[in-house]
Amino acid sequence: MTNTPQTHCDEPIRERLHALLADKLGRQQHEILNHLHLVNELYVDSLDLVEIEIGISETFNINISEKEVLKMETVEDLYHIVRRHITEK
């Protein structure tokens, strides 16, 4: 088994999250890769984080705490937080 970065959306939550990030960051959906660092590689700033947080709330009907937002480093981290909140509903 290899540890290659995931380059496609393998489930509905991930697909919707990638679409949301692409929209908020002005990128194409295929550019949003799970291993990418939000700040260092996707250049997410504090305003982007607020917009992403609002977008997640509207898209998935969940609320992510500021503490959780500060823990996010990669797209994959964000996915796991969103998925956990959805499964806990």
Protein backbone atom coordinates (compact mmCIF):
# COMPACT_ATOMS: atom_id res chain seq x y z
CA MET A 1 0.00 0.00 0.00
CA THR A 2 1.43 3.38 -0.98
CA ASN A 3 0.88 6.72 0.66
CA THR A 4 0.08 8.69 -2.45
CA PRO A 5 -1.85 11.93 -1.98
CA GLN A 6 -5.50 11.64 -2.73
CA THR A 7 -6.34 13.62 -5.85
CA HIS A 8 -10.00 12.88 -6.30
CA CYS A 9 -13.12 13.19 -4.21
CA ASP A 10 -14.03 9.77 -2.93
CA GLU A 11 -17.25 10.55 -1.09
CA PRO A 12 -20.01 13.16 -0.98
CA ILE A 13 -18.74 15.00 2.13
CA ARG A 14 -15.24 15.34 0.69
CA GLU A 15 -16.61 16.39 -2.71
CA ARG A 16 -18.80 19.10 -1.19
CA LEU A 17 -15.94 20.30 1.02
CA HIS A 18 -13.55 20.48 -1.94
CA ALA A 19 -16.15 22.42 -3.94
CA LEU A 20 -16.65 24.82 -1.03
CA LEU A 21 -12.91 25.41 -0.64
CA ALA A 22 -12.45 25.91 -4.36
CA ASP A 23 -15.25 28.48 -4.40
CA LYS A 24 -14.02 30.38 -1.32
CA LEU A 25 -10.39 30.36 -2.47
CA GLY A 26 -11.02 31.15 -6.15
CA ARG A 27 -9.52 27.88 -7.36
CA GLN A 28 -10.57 24.94 -9.48
CA GLN A 29 -11.90 21.95 -7.54
CA HIS A 30 -9.17 19.65 -8.91
CA GLU A 31 -6.57 21.94 -7.28
CA ILE A 32 -7.88 21.18 -3.78
CA LEU A 33 -5.83 18.19 -2.67
CA ASN A 34 -6.20 16.54 0.72
CA HIS A 35 -2.53 16.83 1.67
CA LEU A 36 -2.26 20.57 0.99
CA HIS A 37 -1.55 22.87 3.92
CA LEU A 38 -4.30 25.47 4.20
CA VAL A 39 -2.02 28.43 5.01
CA ASN A 40 1.30 27.51 3.42
CA GLU A 41 0.06 25.99 0.17
CA LEU A 42 -3.48 27.26 -0.36
CA TYR A 43 -2.70 30.68 1.17
CA VAL A 44 -5.75 30.72 3.44
CA ASP A 45 -5.81 33.86 5.59
CA SER A 46 -7.97 34.79 8.57
CA LEU A 47 -10.75 36.21 6.39
CA ASP A 48 -10.75 33.03 4.29
CA LEU A 49 -11.06 30.96 7.47
CA VAL A 50 -14.12 32.93 8.53
CA GLU A 51 -15.69 32.50 5.08
CA ILE A 52 -14.86 28.78 5.07
CA GLU A 53 -16.33 28.39 8.56
CA ILE A 54 -19.55 30.13 7.47
CA GLY A 55 -19.66 28.09 4.27
CA ILE A 56 -19.29 24.86 6.23
CA SER A 57 -22.06 25.91 8.59
CA GLU A 58 -24.39 26.64 5.67
CA THR A 59 -23.39 23.64 3.53
CA PHE A 60 -23.32 20.95 6.19
CA ASN A 61 -25.56 22.49 8.87
CA ILE A 62 -22.88 22.12 11.55
CA ASN A 63 -20.93 24.56 13.70
CA ILE A 64 -17.17 24.31 14.06
CA SER A 65 -15.62 25.94 17.11
CA GLU A 66 -12.82 28.48 16.89
CA LYS A 67 -10.62 26.01 18.77
CA GLU A 68 -11.17 23.43 16.02
CA VAL A 69 -10.50 25.99 13.30
CA LEU A 70 -7.15 26.80 14.89
CA LYS A 71 -6.19 23.09 14.87
CA MET A 72 -6.74 22.71 11.13
CA GLU A 73 -3.58 22.57 9.08
CA THR A 74 -4.48 20.61 5.95
CA VAL A 75 -7.52 20.01 3.81
CA GLU A 76 -7.59 16.51 5.30
CA ASP A 77 -7.71 17.93 8.84
CA LEU A 78 -10.68 20.05 7.84
CA TYR A 79 -12.41 17.05 6.27
CA HIS A 80 -12.03 14.99 9.46
CA ILE A 81 -13.48 17.77 11.60
CA VAL A 82 -16.46 18.20 9.27
CA ARG A 83 -17.03 14.45 9.03
CA ARG A 84 -16.88 14.05 12.83
CA HIS A 85 -19.48 16.78 13.34
CA ILE A 86 -21.77 15.27 10.72
CA THR A 87 -21.57 11.77 12.21
CA GLU A 88 -22.21 13.15 15.72
CA LYS A 89 -25.48 14.82 14.63
